Amino acid sequence: MKKILLSATALSIALTASAFAADLPNRKAPVFVPPPPPATWTGCYVGLNVGGGFDAGSNFSGSQLAANLVEVPFDSGVTGWNNAGGNLSGFVGGGQVGCNYQFGASWLVGFETDIQGSTMSGGSNIATGVLPFVASDPGVVASFVNYHHSVDYFGTVRGRLGWLFTPTLLVYGTGGFAYGGVSHTVNKTDLLQSGDNGAIFGSTSSNSTLTGYTVGGGLEWMFAPGWSAKLEYLYTDLGTFSANHVGLGTSLADGDPYAFFGQHQFSTRFHTVRAGVNYHFNWGTPAPVLAKF
């Protein structure tokens, strides 16, 4: 009997201790998750952009010699024109690829290349004066030029130098090489003297790949790991393109053939403002490690 009482007492004490232990708080250490690594701009990226472009002082100029092809001495005269402002405007959009290297806490260097489609176009009508052919034969009394040009595409290869205003906000300057496909059309009409009652018509078109330079700057914000948005301005100068034009006509009065021979020049300069988004591969950043303790 005494042994039974001792066994019952021991069991009761064991159950009470177990229940008490169950009520104690759990002291097991939680899983440690380290904070995310600080944002880094070192690495390569790809992205898309869209925006608009407008003229930055494009210029169209030219000169020509007009002549009666059968009279001796030739009735001839010279005309010239210069029209500042190409009236370019339109939309641009495309993609970019680049790489950055962040050094120190606040500085970044890199390069970027992009290619843009463009709807930028413009043109004008010009009325010009013409020197009289000879004193006895005043020749052309009016001359009209219609021209049109467009930037069909353009691209750049640029360096970038930036300063991190905050770890996720970059302010940068950029500049480098630019190229583009530009189309030109010139239509020329010369009205002959009242005695001939005729006109000379001529037209020429060309497509050229031009090269030049571009400079600008922008802001870029890393709004999520691996993603950034940017707003960028560029001034682009694709240089000057020259082409020849020829026109033929006949006097309605006496049937004499007339011709004009000349050259014109286009300079292509424009501003662009565009917004874009980039995905960063961040090859310079190690993957975060999740440790358990």
Protein backbone atom coordinates (compact mmCIF):
# COMPACT_ATOMS: atom_id res chain seq x y z
CA MET A 1 0.00 0.00 0.00
CA LYS A 2 2.82 2.31 0.87
CA LYS A 3 4.43 1.69 -2.53
CA ILE A 4 1.18 2.48 -4.32
CA LEU A 5 0.87 5.82 -2.50
CA LEU A 6 4.46 6.74 -3.37
CA SER A 7 3.91 5.88 -7.05
CA ALA A 8 0.71 7.96 -7.19
CA THR A 9 2.45 10.89 -5.57
CA ALA A 10 5.35 10.72 -8.03
CA LEU A 11 2.98 10.57 -11.01
CA SER A 12 1.05 13.57 -9.72
CA ILE A 13 4.22 15.60 -9.31
CA ALA A 14 5.37 14.66 -12.84
CA LEU A 15 2.05 15.68 -14.41
CA THR A 16 2.04 18.97 -12.54
CA ALA A 17 5.60 19.77 -13.67
CA SER A 18 4.73 18.95 -17.28
CA ALA A 19 1.67 21.21 -17.21
CA PHE A 20 3.71 24.03 -15.67
CA ALA A 21 6.40 23.65 -18.34
CA ALA A 22 3.77 23.81 -21.06
CA ASP A 23 2.62 27.16 -19.70
CA LEU A 24 6.11 28.69 -19.86
CA PRO A 25 6.86 31.07 -22.83
CA ASN A 26 8.75 29.63 -25.84
CA ARG A 27 12.34 30.89 -25.80
CA LYS A 28 13.33 29.55 -29.27
CA ALA A 29 15.30 32.17 -31.29
CA PRO A 30 13.45 33.54 -34.41
CA VAL A 31 14.81 33.11 -37.94
CA PHE A 32 17.09 36.04 -38.76
CA VAL A 33 16.41 37.73 -42.09
CA PRO A 34 19.08 40.28 -42.99
CA PRO A 35 18.01 43.64 -44.41
CA PRO A 36 18.13 44.00 -48.21
CA PRO A 37 21.47 45.19 -49.59
CA PRO A 38 21.72 48.91 -50.40
CA ALA A 39 20.74 49.94 -53.93
CA THR A 40 23.61 49.80 -56.41
CA TRP A 41 23.73 51.19 -59.94
CA THR A 42 26.66 49.06 -61.06
CA GLY A 43 25.62 46.74 -63.87
CA CYS A 44 24.00 46.68 -67.31
CA TYR A 45 20.43 47.45 -68.31
CA VAL A 46 17.92 47.49 -71.17
CA GLY A 47 14.88 49.68 -71.57
CA LEU A 48 12.26 51.45 -73.66
CA ASN A 49 11.43 55.12 -74.11
CA VAL A 50 8.90 57.43 -75.78
CA GLY A 51 8.73 61.19 -76.24
CA GLY A 52 8.70 64.05 -78.71
CA GLY A 53 11.07 66.14 -80.81
CA PHE A 54 11.04 69.67 -82.20
CA ASP A 55 13.21 71.90 -84.34
CA ALA A 56 16.39 73.46 -82.94
CA GLY A 57 17.40 75.81 -85.75
CA SER A 58 17.41 73.65 -88.87
CA ASN A 59 18.17 75.64 -92.00
CA PHE A 60 17.44 75.32 -95.72
CA SER A 61 19.38 77.35 -98.28
CA GLY A 62 20.27 77.15 -101.94
CA SER A 63 21.18 78.85 -105.18
CA GLN A 64 20.71 78.22 -108.88
CA LEU A 65 21.49 79.37 -112.41
CA ALA A 66 18.63 79.52 -114.93
CA ALA A 67 19.29 79.82 -118.68
CA ASN A 68 17.67 79.83 -122.11
CA LEU A 69 19.30 76.86 -123.83
CA VAL A 70 19.16 78.14 -127.46
CA GLU A 71 19.81 81.85 -127.37
CA VAL A 72 23.33 83.15 -127.83
CA PRO A 73 24.35 84.80 -125.61
CA PHE A 74 22.28 82.78 -123.14
CA ASP A 75 19.59 84.57 -121.24
CA SER A 76 20.64 83.65 -117.72
CA GLY A 77 20.09 84.72 -114.14
CA VAL A 78 20.95 83.65 -110.60
CA THR A 79 18.65 83.23 -107.62
CA GLY A 80 19.39 82.31 -104.04
CA TRP A 81 17.41 81.66 -100.85
CA ASN A 82 17.97 81.09 -97.19
CA ASN A 83 15.22 80.03 -94.83
CA ALA A 84 16.02 79.70 -91.13
CA GLY A 85 13.87 77.29 -89.19
CA GLY A 86 12.96 73.86 -90.49
CA ASN A 87 9.73 73.51 -88.47
CA LEU A 88 10.55 69.94 -87.46
CA SER A 89 8.20 68.32 -84.94
CA GLY A 90 6.86 64.86 -84.17
CA PHE A 91 7.03 61.82 -81.91
CA VAL A 92 10.02 59.61 -81.11
CA GLY A 93 10.26 56.21 -79.48
CA GLY A 94 12.67 53.31 -79.19
CA GLY A 95 14.97 51.38 -76.92
CA GLN A 96 18.29 51.70 -75.13
CA VAL A 97 21.05 49.46 -73.76
CA GLY A 98 23.78 50.57 -71.37
CA CYS A 99 26.10 49.81 -68.47
CA ASN A 100 26.94 51.74 -65.29
CA TYR A 101 29.76 51.64 -62.79
CA GLN A 102 29.14 53.24 -59.38
CA PHE A 103 32.23 54.41 -57.53
CA GLY A 104 32.32 55.91 -54.09
CA ALA A 105 28.99 56.56 -52.46
CA SER A 106 27.66 59.13 -54.91
CA TRP A 107 29.26 58.93 -58.38
CA LEU A 108 28.53 56.93 -61.50
CA VAL A 109 30.06 56.58 -64.98
CA GLY A 110 28.65 54.61 -67.87
CA PHE A 111 27.71 54.45 -71.51
CA GLU A 112 24.45 54.04 -73.39
CA THR A 113 23.40 53.42 -76.98
CA ASP A 114 19.87 53.85 -78.29
CA ILE A 115 17.89 53.69 -81.54
CA GLN A 116 14.75 55.76 -82.15
CA GLY A 117 11.96 55.72 -84.69
CA SER A 118 10.72 59.23 -85.52
CA THR A 119 7.78 61.03 -87.11
CA MET A 120 9.54 64.42 -86.99
CA SER A 121 9.00 66.36 -90.23
CA GLY A 122 8.67 69.92 -91.47
CA GLY A 123 8.96 72.21 -94.45
CA SER A 124 8.10 75.58 -95.93
CA ASN A 125 7.23 77.55 -99.07
CA ILE A 126 9.62 80.31 -100.13
CA ALA A 127 9.15 83.04 -102.74
CA THR A 128 12.51 84.31 -104.01
CA GLY A 129 13.71 87.10 -106.26
CA VAL A 130 15.75 86.41 -109.40
CA LEU A 131 18.33 88.60 -111.10
CA PRO A 132 17.23 89.69 -114.61
CA PHE A 133 18.67 87.64 -117.43
CA VAL A 134 19.81 90.62 -119.53
CA ALA A 135 18.66 94.22 -119.65
CA SER A 136 16.72 93.70 -122.89
CA ASP A 137 15.18 90.40 -121.73
CA PRO A 138 14.20 90.53 -118.05
CA GLY A 139 13.71 86.77 -117.94
CA VAL A 140 12.29 85.15 -114.81
CA VAL A 141 9.91 87.38 -112.90
CA ALA A 142 9.13 85.08 -109.95
CA SER A 143 10.60 82.00 -108.35
CA PHE A 144 9.03 79.63 -105.79
CA VAL A 145 10.63 76.89 -103.68
CA ASN A 146 8.74 74.26 -101.71
CA TYR A 147 10.80 72.00 -99.48
CA HIS A 148 10.05 69.21 -97.05
CA HIS A 149 12.34 67.19 -94.80
CA SER A 150 11.90 64.50 -92.18
CA VAL A 151 13.95 62.56 -89.64
CA ASP A 152 12.94 58.92 -90.17
CA TYR A 153 15.13 57.43 -87.43
CA PHE A 154 18.13 58.38 -85.32
CA GLY A 155 20.44 56.83 -82.77
CA THR A 156 23.17 57.79 -80.34
CA VAL A 157 26.23 56.32 -78.64
CA ARG A 158 26.90 58.32 -75.46
CA GLY A 159 28.90 58.47 -72.30
CA ARG A 160 27.21 59.28 -68.97
CA LEU A 161 28.47 60.92 -65.79
CA GLY A 162 26.11 61.03 -62.84
CA TRP A 163 25.77 62.05 -59.22
CA LEU A 164 23.48 60.28 -56.76
CA PHE A 165 21.33 62.91 -55.09
CA THR A 166 19.99 60.04 -52.98
CA PRO A 167 20.90 56.33 -53.19
CA THR A 168 17.98 55.84 -55.58
CA LEU A 169 17.90 59.17 -57.48
CA LEU A 170 20.51 59.84 -60.17
CA VAL A 171 21.22 63.20 -61.83
CA TYR A 172 23.40 62.85 -64.95
CA GLY A 173 24.89 64.53 -67.99
CA THR A 174 25.42 62.74 -71.28
CA GLY A 175 26.91 63.29 -74.74
CA GLY A 176 28.48 61.60 -77.72
CA PHE A 177 27.99 60.46 -81.32
CA ALA A 178 24.67 60.72 -83.20
CA TYR A 179 23.43 59.43 -86.56
CA GLY A 180 20.13 59.49 -88.39
CA GLY A 181 18.21 58.82 -91.59
CA VAL A 182 16.93 62.06 -93.11
CA SER A 183 14.70 62.55 -96.19
CA HIS A 184 14.57 65.72 -98.32
CA THR A 185 12.29 66.85 -101.14
CA VAL A 186 12.67 70.13 -103.09
CA ASN A 187 10.15 71.40 -105.66
CA LYS A 188 11.19 74.49 -107.67
CA THR A 189 9.09 76.64 -110.04
CA ASP A 190 10.38 79.63 -112.05
CA LEU A 191 7.88 81.81 -113.91
CA LEU A 192 9.35 83.24 -117.12
CA GLN A 193 9.08 86.79 -118.39
CA SER A 194 5.72 87.96 -119.64
CA GLY A 195 6.96 87.85 -123.24
CA ASP A 196 7.66 84.10 -123.00
CA ASN A 197 4.67 83.18 -120.86
CA GLY A 198 6.29 80.00 -119.66
CA ALA A 199 7.45 78.24 -116.53
CA ILE A 200 10.27 75.94 -115.47
CA PHE A 201 9.51 73.11 -113.05
CA GLY A 202 11.97 70.88 -111.23
CA SER A 203 11.95 68.43 -108.34
CA THR A 204 14.49 66.33 -106.48
CA SER A 205 14.29 63.91 -103.56
CA SER A 206 16.97 62.16 -101.53
CA ASN A 207 17.44 59.92 -98.51
CA SER A 208 20.66 60.22 -96.55
CA THR A 209 22.28 58.85 -93.42
CA LEU A 210 23.82 61.80 -91.59
CA THR A 211 26.17 61.88 -88.60
CA GLY A 212 26.81 64.44 -85.88
CA TYR A 213 26.72 64.79 -82.12
CA THR A 214 24.30 64.97 -79.21
CA VAL A 215 24.43 66.39 -75.66
CA GLY A 216 21.94 66.48 -72.81
CA GLY A 217 21.08 65.25 -69.35
CA GLY A 218 18.38 63.74 -67.21
CA LEU A 219 17.05 62.24 -64.00
CA GLU A 220 16.75 58.51 -63.24
CA TRP A 221 14.93 57.03 -60.25
CA MET A 222 15.36 53.43 -59.06
CA PHE A 223 11.80 52.85 -57.86
CA ALA A 224 12.11 49.09 -57.21
CA PRO A 225 14.92 46.51 -57.06
CA GLY A 226 16.18 46.18 -60.63
CA TRP A 227 13.86 48.83 -62.10
CA SER A 228 14.31 52.53 -62.83
CA ALA A 229 12.40 55.30 -64.59
CA LYS A 230 14.05 58.23 -66.35
CA LEU A 231 13.30 61.62 -67.91
CA GLU A 232 15.89 62.79 -70.45
CA TYR A 233 16.59 65.77 -72.72
CA LEU A 234 18.92 65.68 -75.76
CA TYR A 235 20.06 68.28 -78.30
CA THR A 236 21.09 66.61 -81.57
CA ASP A 237 22.91 68.09 -84.58
CA LEU A 238 23.17 65.82 -87.63
CA GLY A 239 25.17 68.28 -89.70
CA THR A 240 24.49 69.60 -93.21
CA PHE A 241 23.42 67.70 -96.32
CA SER A 242 23.91 69.06 -99.86
CA ALA A 243 22.23 67.97 -103.11
CA ASN A 244 21.90 69.20 -106.68
CA HIS A 245 18.65 69.95 -108.46
CA VAL A 246 17.81 70.36 -112.16
CA GLY A 247 14.65 71.62 -113.85
CA LEU A 248 13.48 71.95 -117.48
CA GLY A 249 10.78 74.10 -119.10
CA THR A 250 9.61 75.61 -122.37
CA SER A 251 8.52 79.13 -123.28
CA LEU A 252 4.89 79.17 -124.33
CA ALA A 253 5.57 82.18 -126.55
CA ASP A 254 8.40 80.95 -128.76
CA GLY A 255 9.04 77.37 -127.65
CA ASP A 256 12.56 78.08 -126.39
CA PRO A 257 13.78 75.51 -123.86
CA TYR A 258 14.87 76.72 -120.45
CA ALA A 259 16.69 74.95 -117.64
CA PHE A 260 17.89 75.65 -114.14
CA PHE A 261 20.83 74.10 -112.36
CA GLY A 262 21.44 74.57 -108.67
CA GLN A 263 22.34 73.21 -105.27
CA HIS A 264 20.57 73.23 -101.92
CA GLN A 265 21.68 72.52 -98.36
CA PHE A 266 19.78 71.22 -95.34
CA SER A 267 21.03 71.39 -91.78
CA THR A 268 19.21 69.15 -89.30
CA ARG A 269 19.12 70.12 -85.61
CA PHE A 270 16.46 69.13 -83.10
CA HIS A 271 15.57 68.78 -79.42
CA THR A 272 14.06 65.64 -77.90
CA VAL A 273 12.42 65.06 -74.53
CA ARG A 274 11.60 61.47 -73.61
CA ALA A 275 10.57 59.30 -70.68
CA GLY A 276 11.69 55.71 -70.27
CA VAL A 277 12.00 52.67 -68.05
CA ASN A 278 15.05 50.40 -67.57
CA TYR A 279 15.53 46.90 -66.22
CA HIS A 280 18.92 46.48 -64.45
CA PHE A 281 20.76 43.15 -64.40
CA ASN A 282 23.09 44.34 -61.59
CA TRP A 283 25.94 41.94 -62.35
CA GLY A 284 28.05 43.82 -59.79
CA THR A 285 25.77 42.99 -56.84
CA PRO A 286 25.91 39.63 -55.00
CA ALA A 287 22.61 37.90 -54.34
CA PRO A 288 21.31 38.43 -50.79
CA VAL A 289 21.79 35.49 -48.40
CA LEU A 290 19.05 34.41 -46.00
CA ALA A 291 20.65 33.00 -42.82
CA LYS A 292 18.94 30.78 -40.27
CA PHE A 293 19.95 30.54 -36.60
